[in-house]
Amino acid sequence: MTSPDAPVDPAEPADTVRGLRLPQLLLDLIADGRWRQPADDVLAAAVPWFEDPLDLLTDVAAIRRQSRSLDDLGGADLGPLFRQTPGSTAAAAVELPWLDTEQAVLLAVCRHAGDDVAIALDYRTGPDGPRVVGSDIWTDPRAYTWRVAAPSFPAFASALGLVP
Protein backbone atom coordinates (compact mmCIF):
# COMPACT_ATOMS: atom_id res chain seq x y z
CA MET A 1 0.00 0.00 0.00
CA THR A 2 2.59 2.57 1.07
CA SER A 3 6.35 2.59 0.75
CA PRO A 4 8.03 1.51 3.99
CA ASP A 5 10.46 4.39 3.47
CA ALA A 6 7.76 7.08 3.55
CA PRO A 7 8.46 9.63 6.30
CA VAL A 8 6.64 9.45 9.64
CA ASP A 9 5.70 12.53 11.66
CA PRO A 10 8.07 12.40 14.66
CA ALA A 11 5.81 14.79 16.59
CA GLU A 12 2.88 12.35 16.63
CA PRO A 13 2.24 10.84 20.08
CA ALA A 14 3.13 7.15 20.42
CA ASP A 15 -0.51 6.13 20.93
CA THR A 16 -1.97 7.89 17.88
CA VAL A 17 -2.04 7.34 14.14
CA ARG A 18 -3.07 10.17 11.83
CA GLY A 19 -4.22 12.09 14.91
CA LEU A 20 -6.54 9.29 16.05
CA ARG A 21 -5.88 7.59 19.40
CA LEU A 22 -5.51 3.84 19.06
CA PRO A 23 -7.68 1.71 21.35
CA GLN A 24 -5.90 0.92 24.61
CA LEU A 25 -6.57 -2.78 24.09
CA LEU A 26 -4.73 -2.67 20.75
CA LEU A 27 -1.78 -0.88 22.36
CA ASP A 28 -1.73 -3.46 25.17
CA LEU A 29 -1.86 -6.37 22.70
CA ILE A 30 1.02 -4.87 20.71
CA ALA A 31 3.08 -4.24 23.87
CA ASP A 32 2.48 -7.81 25.09
CA GLY A 33 3.28 -9.35 21.69
CA ARG A 34 -0.24 -10.76 21.42
CA TRP A 35 -1.30 -8.64 18.39
CA ARG A 36 0.09 -11.06 15.85
CA GLN A 37 -1.02 -12.73 12.67
CA PRO A 38 -3.73 -15.32 13.33
CA ALA A 39 -4.16 -18.39 11.17
CA ASP A 40 -5.92 -17.63 7.90
CA ASP A 41 -8.98 -19.66 8.93
CA VAL A 42 -9.36 -17.61 12.13
CA LEU A 43 -9.23 -14.34 10.22
CA ALA A 44 -11.63 -15.76 7.62
CA ALA A 45 -14.12 -16.61 10.38
CA ALA A 46 -13.92 -13.03 11.71
CA VAL A 47 -14.46 -11.48 8.26
CA PRO A 48 -16.20 -14.26 6.31
CA TRP A 49 -16.74 -12.29 3.10
CA PHE A 50 -12.98 -11.93 2.51
CA GLU A 51 -11.67 -14.24 -0.19
CA ASP A 52 -8.13 -12.82 -0.29
CA PRO A 53 -5.65 -13.30 2.57
CA LEU A 54 -4.83 -10.40 4.88
CA ASP A 55 -1.87 -9.55 7.04
CA LEU A 56 -2.34 -7.79 10.37
CA LEU A 57 -0.19 -4.72 10.91
CA THR A 58 1.53 -5.85 14.08
CA ASP A 59 3.08 -2.65 15.39
CA VAL A 60 2.28 1.05 15.51
CA ALA A 61 4.96 1.90 12.94
CA ALA A 62 3.39 -0.46 10.38
CA ILE A 63 -0.09 0.87 11.15
CA ARG A 64 1.15 4.43 10.62
CA ARG A 65 3.01 3.58 7.43
CA GLN A 66 0.13 1.73 5.80
CA SER A 67 -2.57 4.14 7.01
CA ARG A 68 -0.94 6.99 5.10
CA SER A 69 -2.18 5.30 1.93
CA LEU A 70 -5.70 6.39 2.90
CA ASP A 71 -4.80 9.93 1.86
CA ASP A 72 -3.88 8.76 -1.64
CA LEU A 73 -6.75 6.32 -2.06
CA GLY A 74 -9.33 8.84 -0.84
CA GLY A 75 -8.48 11.42 -3.49
CA ALA A 76 -10.55 12.48 -6.45
CA ASP A 77 -8.95 9.94 -8.79
CA LEU A 78 -9.17 6.73 -6.76
CA GLY A 79 -11.66 7.67 -4.03
CA PRO A 80 -14.80 6.81 -5.99
CA LEU A 81 -13.35 3.47 -7.10
CA PHE A 82 -12.47 2.42 -3.53
CA ARG A 83 -15.42 4.27 -1.94
CA GLN A 84 -13.10 6.35 0.20
CA THR A 85 -13.29 10.09 0.74
CA PRO A 86 -12.17 12.64 3.32
CA GLY A 87 -15.20 13.68 5.34
CA SER A 88 -14.08 17.31 5.56
CA THR A 89 -14.50 17.74 1.81
CA ALA A 90 -17.68 15.69 1.37
CA ALA A 91 -20.98 17.42 0.64
CA ALA A 92 -22.75 15.26 3.24
CA ALA A 93 -21.81 12.93 6.09
CA VAL A 94 -19.74 10.00 4.86
CA GLU A 95 -21.53 6.78 5.80
CA LEU A 96 -21.06 3.11 4.98
CA PRO A 97 -20.57 1.70 2.38
CA TRP A 98 -18.04 4.57 2.08
CA LEU A 99 -14.97 5.02 4.29
CA ASP A 100 -14.15 8.45 5.69
CA THR A 101 -10.38 8.46 5.21
CA GLU A 102 -9.92 11.13 7.88
CA GLN A 103 -11.64 8.91 10.45
CA ALA A 104 -9.89 5.63 9.68
CA VAL A 105 -6.72 3.74 10.57
CA LEU A 106 -5.71 0.51 8.82
CA LEU A 107 -5.30 -2.65 10.91
CA ALA A 108 -4.73 -5.23 8.17
CA VAL A 109 -3.87 -5.07 4.49
CA CYS A 110 -3.87 -7.44 1.55
CA ARG A 111 -1.14 -10.05 1.60
CA HIS A 112 -0.78 -9.94 -2.18
CA ALA A 113 -0.08 -6.66 -3.94
CA GLY A 114 -2.96 -5.68 -6.15
CA ASP A 115 -5.72 -7.30 -4.08
CA ASP A 116 -6.52 -3.81 -2.70
CA VAL A 117 -8.47 -4.94 0.37
CA ALA A 118 -8.09 -3.94 4.01
CA ILE A 119 -9.53 -3.86 7.52
CA ALA A 120 -9.67 -0.55 9.37
CA LEU A 121 -10.64 1.08 12.62
CA ASP A 122 -13.55 3.40 11.82
CA TYR A 123 -13.74 6.32 14.23
CA ARG A 124 -17.10 7.62 12.96
CA THR A 125 -18.64 5.79 15.94
CA GLY A 126 -16.60 7.98 18.30
CA PRO A 127 -13.01 8.68 19.28
CA ASP A 128 -13.05 6.28 22.23
CA GLY A 129 -14.79 3.35 20.58
CA PRO A 130 -14.04 2.84 16.90
CA ARG A 131 -15.74 -0.02 15.13
CA VAL A 132 -13.86 -2.32 12.77
CA VAL A 133 -14.74 -2.26 9.08
CA GLY A 134 -13.51 -4.25 6.13
CA SER A 135 -13.56 -3.69 2.43
CA ASP A 136 -15.77 -5.95 0.32
CA ILE A 137 -15.25 -6.57 -3.37
CA TRP A 138 -16.78 -10.05 -3.41
CA THR A 139 -20.44 -9.63 -2.40
CA ASP A 140 -21.09 -7.37 -5.40
CA PRO A 141 -18.10 -7.35 -7.75
CA ARG A 142 -19.47 -4.22 -9.45
CA ALA A 143 -19.21 -2.11 -6.28
CA TYR A 144 -16.31 -1.87 -3.85
CA THR A 145 -17.87 -1.32 -0.41
CA TRP A 146 -16.95 -1.05 3.26
CA ARG A 147 -18.93 -2.99 5.85
CA VAL A 148 -18.85 -3.64 9.57
CA ALA A 149 -16.57 -6.49 10.63
CA ALA A 150 -17.08 -5.90 14.38
CA PRO A 151 -18.97 -3.25 16.37
CA SER A 152 -15.84 -2.50 18.42
CA PHE A 153 -12.15 -3.29 18.56
CA PRO A 154 -12.55 -5.53 21.65
CA ALA A 155 -15.17 -7.56 19.74
CA PHE A 156 -12.78 -7.91 16.79
CA ALA A 157 -9.87 -8.95 19.04
CA SER A 158 -12.16 -11.50 20.67
CA ALA A 159 -13.23 -12.89 17.29
CA LEU A 160 -9.53 -13.39 16.50
CA GLY A 161 -9.08 -15.27 19.78
CA LEU A 162 -6.64 -12.68 21.12
CA VAL A 163 -8.71 -11.86 24.22
CA PRO A 164 -11.32 -13.88 26.12
C-alpha atoms as a PDB file:
ATOM      1  CA  MET A   1       0.000   0.000   0.000  1.00  0.00           C
ATOM      2  CA  THR A   2       2.593   2.575   1.074  1.00  0.00           C
ATOM      3  CA  SER A   3       6.351   2.589   0.749  1.00  0.00           C
ATOM      4  CA  PRO A   4       8.028   1.512   3.993  1.00  0.00           C
ATOM      5  CA  ASP A   5      10.463   4.389   3.467  1.00  0.00           C
ATOM      6  CA  ALA A   6       7.760   7.080   3.548  1.00  0.00           C
ATOM      7  CA  PRO A   7       8.459   9.635   6.303  1.00  0.00           C
ATOM      8  CA  VAL A   8       6.641   9.453   9.636  1.00  0.00           C
ATOM      9  CA  ASP A   9       5.703  12.534  11.656  1.00  0.00           C
ATOM     10  CA  PRO A  10       8.069  12.400  14.657  1.00  0.00           C
ATOM     11  CA  ALA A  11       5.812  14.787  16.591  1.00  0.00           C
ATOM     12  CA  GLU A  12       2.882  12.348  16.631  1.00  0.00           C
ATOM     13  CA  PRO A  13       2.239  10.838  20.081  1.00  0.00           C
ATOM     14  CA  ALA A  14       3.133   7.153  20.423  1.00  0.00           C
ATOM     15  CA  ASP A  15      -0.507   6.131  20.933  1.00  0.00           C
ATOM     16  CA  THR A  16      -1.974   7.888  17.879  1.00  0.00           C
ATOM     17  CA  VAL A  17      -2.038   7.341  14.138  1.00  0.00           C
ATOM     18  CA  ARG A  18      -3.075  10.171  11.825  1.00  0.00           C
ATOM     19  CA  GLY A  19      -4.217  12.087  14.915  1.00  0.00           C
ATOM     20  CA  LEU A  20      -6.540   9.285  16.049  1.00  0.00           C
ATOM     21  CA  ARG A  21      -5.878   7.589  19.395  1.00  0.00           C
ATOM     22  CA  LEU A  22      -5.506   3.843  19.059  1.00  0.00           C
ATOM     23  CA  PRO A  23      -7.684   1.714  21.354  1.00  0.00           C
ATOM     24  CA  GLN A  24      -5.902   0.921  24.605  1.00  0.00           C
ATOM     25  CA  LEU A  25      -6.571  -2.782  24.093  1.00  0.00           C
ATOM     26  CA  LEU A  26      -4.726  -2.670  20.754  1.00  0.00           C
ATOM     27  CA  LEU A  27      -1.782  -0.879  22.361  1.00  0.00           C
ATOM     28  CA  ASP A  28      -1.732  -3.463  25.169  1.00  0.00           C
ATOM     29  CA  LEU A  29      -1.859  -6.371  22.701  1.00  0.00           C
ATOM     30  CA  ILE A  30       1.015  -4.868  20.709  1.00  0.00           C
ATOM     31  CA  ALA A  31       3.080  -4.237  23.866  1.00  0.00           C
ATOM     32  CA  ASP A  32       2.478  -7.811  25.088  1.00  0.00           C
ATOM     33  CA  GLY A  33       3.284  -9.349  21.693  1.00  0.00           C
ATOM     34  CA  ARG A  34      -0.242 -10.761  21.418  1.00  0.00           C
ATOM     35  CA  TRP A  35      -1.298  -8.637  18.388  1.00  0.00           C
ATOM     36  CA  ARG A  36       0.088 -11.059  15.849  1.00  0.00           C
ATOM     37  CA  GLN A  37      -1.017 -12.731  12.666  1.00  0.00           C
ATOM     38  CA  PRO A  38      -3.727 -15.323  13.329  1.00  0.00           C
ATOM     39  CA  ALA A  39      -4.157 -18.391  11.174  1.00  0.00           C
ATOM     40  CA  ASP A  40      -5.919 -17.631   7.904  1.00  0.00           C
ATOM     41  CA  ASP A  41      -8.985 -19.657   8.926  1.00  0.00           C
ATOM     42  CA  VAL A  42      -9.355 -17.612  12.133  1.00  0.00           C
ATOM     43  CA  LEU A  43      -9.228 -14.335  10.220  1.00  0.00           C
ATOM     44  CA  ALA A  44     -11.626 -15.762   7.623  1.00  0.00           C
ATOM     45  CA  ALA A  45     -14.122 -16.609  10.378  1.00  0.00           C
ATOM     46  CA  ALA A  46     -13.919 -13.029  11.709  1.00  0.00           C
ATOM     47  CA  VAL A  47     -14.464 -11.479   8.258  1.00  0.00           C
ATOM     48  CA  PRO A  48     -16.195 -14.256   6.306  1.00  0.00           C
ATOM     49  CA  TRP A  49     -16.744 -12.287   3.098  1.00  0.00           C
ATOM     50  CA  PHE A  50     -12.983 -11.928   2.506  1.00  0.00           C
ATOM     51  CA  GLU A  51     -11.672 -14.243  -0.191  1.00  0.00           C
ATOM     52  CA  ASP A  52      -8.132 -12.817  -0.289  1.00  0.00           C
ATOM     53  CA  PRO A  53      -5.649 -13.297   2.566  1.00  0.00           C
ATOM     54  CA  LEU A  54      -4.826 -10.397   4.876  1.00  0.00           C
ATOM     55  CA  ASP A  55      -1.866  -9.551   7.040  1.00  0.00           C
ATOM     56  CA  LEU A  56      -2.335  -7.790  10.372  1.00  0.00           C
ATOM     57  CA  LEU A  57      -0.191  -4.718  10.913  1.00  0.00           C
ATOM     58  CA  THR A  58       1.527  -5.853  14.076  1.00  0.00           C
ATOM     59  CA  ASP A  59       3.082  -2.647  15.394  1.00  0.00           C
ATOM     60  CA  VAL A  60       2.277   1.053  15.512  1.00  0.00           C
ATOM     61  CA  ALA A  61       4.958   1.903  12.935  1.00  0.00           C
ATOM     62  CA  ALA A  62       3.389  -0.459  10.380  1.00  0.00           C
ATOM     63  CA  ILE A  63      -0.094   0.868  11.152  1.00  0.00           C
ATOM     64  CA  ARG A  64       1.152   4.435  10.617  1.00  0.00           C
ATOM     65  CA  ARG A  65       3.007   3.584   7.433  1.00  0.00           C
ATOM     66  CA  GLN A  66       0.127   1.731   5.795  1.00  0.00           C
ATOM     67  CA  SER A  67      -2.568   4.142   7.012  1.00  0.00           C
ATOM     68  CA  ARG A  68      -0.942   6.991   5.101  1.00  0.00           C
ATOM     69  CA  SER A  69      -2.178   5.302   1.927  1.00  0.00           C
ATOM     70  CA  LEU A  70      -5.697   6.387   2.899  1.00  0.00           C
ATOM     71  CA  ASP A  71      -4.798   9.928   1.858  1.00  0.00           C
ATOM     72  CA  ASP A  72      -3.876   8.757  -1.639  1.00  0.00           C
ATOM     73  CA  LEU A  73      -6.754   6.317  -2.062  1.00  0.00           C
ATOM     74  CA  GLY A  74      -9.328   8.837  -0.841  1.00  0.00           C
ATOM     75  CA  GLY A  75      -8.477  11.416  -3.491  1.00  0.00           C
ATOM     76  CA  ALA A  76     -10.555  12.480  -6.448  1.00  0.00           C
ATOM     77  CA  ASP A  77      -8.954   9.944  -8.791  1.00  0.00           C
ATOM     78  CA  LEU A  78      -9.173   6.727  -6.764  1.00  0.00           C
ATOM     79  CA  GLY A  79     -11.657   7.666  -4.035  1.00  0.00           C
ATOM     80  CA  PRO A  80     -14.805   6.808  -5.988  1.00  0.00           C
ATOM     81  CA  LEU A  81     -13.353   3.469  -7.104  1.00  0.00           C
ATOM     82  CA  PHE A  82     -12.472   2.419  -3.532  1.00  0.00           C
ATOM     83  CA  ARG A  83     -15.425   4.269  -1.937  1.00  0.00           C
ATOM     84  CA  GLN A  84     -13.104   6.348   0.197  1.00  0.00           C
ATOM     85  CA  THR A  85     -13.294  10.092   0.736  1.00  0.00           C
ATOM     86  CA  PRO A  86     -12.172  12.639   3.319  1.00  0.00           C
ATOM     87  CA  GLY A  87     -15.204  13.681   5.336  1.00  0.00           C
ATOM     88  CA  SER A  88     -14.078  17.314   5.561  1.00  0.00           C
ATOM     89  CA  THR A  89     -14.500  17.745   1.808  1.00  0.00           C
ATOM     90  CA  ALA A  90     -17.683  15.694   1.371  1.00  0.00           C
ATOM     91  CA  ALA A  91     -20.980  17.419   0.636  1.00  0.00           C
ATOM     92  CA  ALA A  92     -22.752  15.261   3.239  1.00  0.00           C
ATOM     93  CA  ALA A  93     -21.810  12.933   6.093  1.00  0.00           C
ATOM     94  CA  VAL A  94     -19.743   9.998   4.864  1.00  0.00           C
ATOM     95  CA  GLU A  95     -21.532   6.777   5.795  1.00  0.00           C
ATOM     96  CA  LEU A  96     -21.056   3.108   4.975  1.00  0.00           C
ATOM     97  CA  PRO A  97     -20.570   1.701   2.376  1.00  0.00           C
ATOM     98  CA  TRP A  98     -18.037   4.566   2.077  1.00  0.00           C
ATOM     99  CA  LEU A  99     -14.969   5.022   4.291  1.00  0.00           C
ATOM    100  CA  ASP A 100     -14.150   8.454   5.692  1.00  0.00           C
ATOM    101  CA  THR A 101     -10.384   8.458   5.214  1.00  0.00           C
ATOM    102  CA  GLU A 102      -9.924  11.133   7.883  1.00  0.00           C
ATOM    103  CA  GLN A 103     -11.643   8.914  10.453  1.00  0.00           C
ATOM    104  CA  ALA A 104      -9.893   5.629   9.684  1.00  0.00           C
ATOM    105  CA  VAL A 105      -6.716   3.737  10.569  1.00  0.00           C
ATOM    106  CA  LEU A 106      -5.713   0.515   8.817  1.00  0.00           C
ATOM    107  CA  LEU A 107      -5.297  -2.654  10.913  1.00  0.00           C
ATOM    108  CA  ALA A 108      -4.726  -5.233   8.173  1.00  0.00           C
ATOM    109  CA  VAL A 109      -3.875  -5.070   4.494  1.00  0.00           C
ATOM    110  CA  CYS A 110      -3.872  -7.441   1.550  1.00  0.00           C
ATOM    111  CA  ARG A 111      -1.142 -10.047   1.596  1.00  0.00           C
ATOM    112  CA  HIS A 112      -0.782  -9.945  -2.177  1.00  0.00           C
ATOM    113  CA  ALA A 113      -0.076  -6.663  -3.944  1.00  0.00           C
ATOM    114  CA  GLY A 114      -2.962  -5.679  -6.152  1.00  0.00           C
ATOM    115  CA  ASP A 115      -5.719  -7.299  -4.075  1.00  0.00           C
ATOM    116  CA  ASP A 116      -6.522  -3.815  -2.700  1.00  0.00           C
ATOM    117  CA  VAL A 117      -8.465  -4.940   0.373  1.00  0.00           C
ATOM    118  CA  ALA A 118      -8.094  -3.939   4.011  1.00  0.00           C
ATOM    119  CA  ILE A 119      -9.529  -3.861   7.518  1.00  0.00           C
ATOM    120  CA  ALA A 120      -9.674  -0.550   9.365  1.00  0.00           C
ATOM    121  CA  LEU A 121     -10.640   1.082  12.622  1.00  0.00           C
ATOM    122  CA  ASP A 122     -13.550   3.397  11.816  1.00  0.00           C
ATOM    123  CA  TYR A 123     -13.739   6.320  14.226  1.00  0.00           C
ATOM    124  CA  ARG A 124     -17.096   7.624  12.961  1.00  0.00           C
ATOM    125  CA  THR A 125     -18.639   5.794  15.937  1.00  0.00           C
ATOM    126  CA  GLY A 126     -16.604   7.975  18.304  1.00  0.00           C
ATOM    127  CA  PRO A 127     -13.007   8.680  19.279  1.00  0.00           C
ATOM    128  CA  ASP A 128     -13.053   6.282  22.230  1.00  0.00           C
ATOM    129  CA  GLY A 129     -14.790   3.347  20.576  1.00  0.00           C
ATOM    130  CA  PRO A 130     -14.040   2.838  16.902  1.00  0.00           C
ATOM    131  CA  ARG A 131     -15.744  -0.018  15.127  1.00  0.00           C
ATOM    132  CA  VAL A 132     -13.857  -2.320  12.771  1.00  0.00           C
ATOM    133  CA  VAL A 133     -14.742  -2.259   9.080  1.00  0.00           C
ATOM    134  CA  GLY A 134     -13.515  -4.250   6.132  1.00  0.00           C
ATOM    135  CA  SER A 135     -13.558  -3.692   2.425  1.00  0.00           C
ATOM    136  CA  ASP A 136     -15.768  -5.948   0.324  1.00  0.00           C
ATOM    137  CA  ILE A 137     -15.251  -6.571  -3.374  1.00  0.00           C
ATOM    138  CA  TRP A 138     -16.782 -10.045  -3.411  1.00  0.00           C
ATOM    139  CA  THR A 139     -20.442  -9.627  -2.402  1.00  0.00           C
ATOM    140  CA  ASP A 140     -21.095  -7.369  -5.403  1.00  0.00           C
ATOM    141  CA  PRO A 141     -18.097  -7.346  -7.751  1.00  0.00           C
ATOM    142  CA  ARG A 142     -19.469  -4.217  -9.452  1.00  0.00           C
ATOM    143  CA  ALA A 143     -19.209  -2.109  -6.276  1.00  0.00           C
ATOM    144  CA  TYR A 144     -16.307  -1.870  -3.846  1.00  0.00           C
ATOM    145  CA  THR A 145     -17.871  -1.322  -0.410  1.00  0.00           C
ATOM    146  CA  TRP A 146     -16.950  -1.052   3.258  1.00  0.00           C
ATOM    147  CA  ARG A 147     -18.928  -2.991   5.846  1.00  0.00           C
ATOM    148  CA  VAL A 148     -18.849  -3.643   9.575  1.00  0.00           C
ATOM    149  CA  ALA A 149     -16.570  -6.492  10.634  1.00  0.00           C
ATOM    150  CA  ALA A 150     -17.080  -5.897  14.378  1.00  0.00           C
ATOM    151  CA  PRO A 151     -18.969  -3.253  16.367  1.00  0.00           C
ATOM    152  CA  SER A 152     -15.841  -2.498  18.424  1.00  0.00           C
ATOM    153  CA  PHE A 153     -12.147  -3.288  18.561  1.00  0.00           C
ATOM    154  CA  PRO A 154     -12.553  -5.532  21.652  1.00  0.00           C
ATOM    155  CA  ALA A 155     -15.173  -7.556  19.742  1.00  0.00           C
ATOM    156  CA  PHE A 156     -12.784  -7.913  16.794  1.00  0.00           C
ATOM    157  CA  ALA A 157      -9.872  -8.946  19.038  1.00  0.00           C
ATOM    158  CA  SER A 158     -12.158 -11.503  20.675  1.00  0.00           C
ATOM    159  CA  ALA A 159     -13.230 -12.886  17.290  1.00  0.00           C
ATOM    160  CA  LEU A 160      -9.533 -13.394  16.503  1.00  0.00           C
ATOM    161  CA  GLY A 161      -9.083 -15.273  19.784  1.00  0.00           C
ATOM    162  CA  LEU A 162      -6.642 -12.678  21.119  1.00  0.00           C
ATOM    163  CA  VAL A 163      -8.711 -11.859  24.220  1.00  0.00           C
ATOM    164  CA  PRO A 164     -11.324 -13.882  26.122  1.00  0.00           C
END
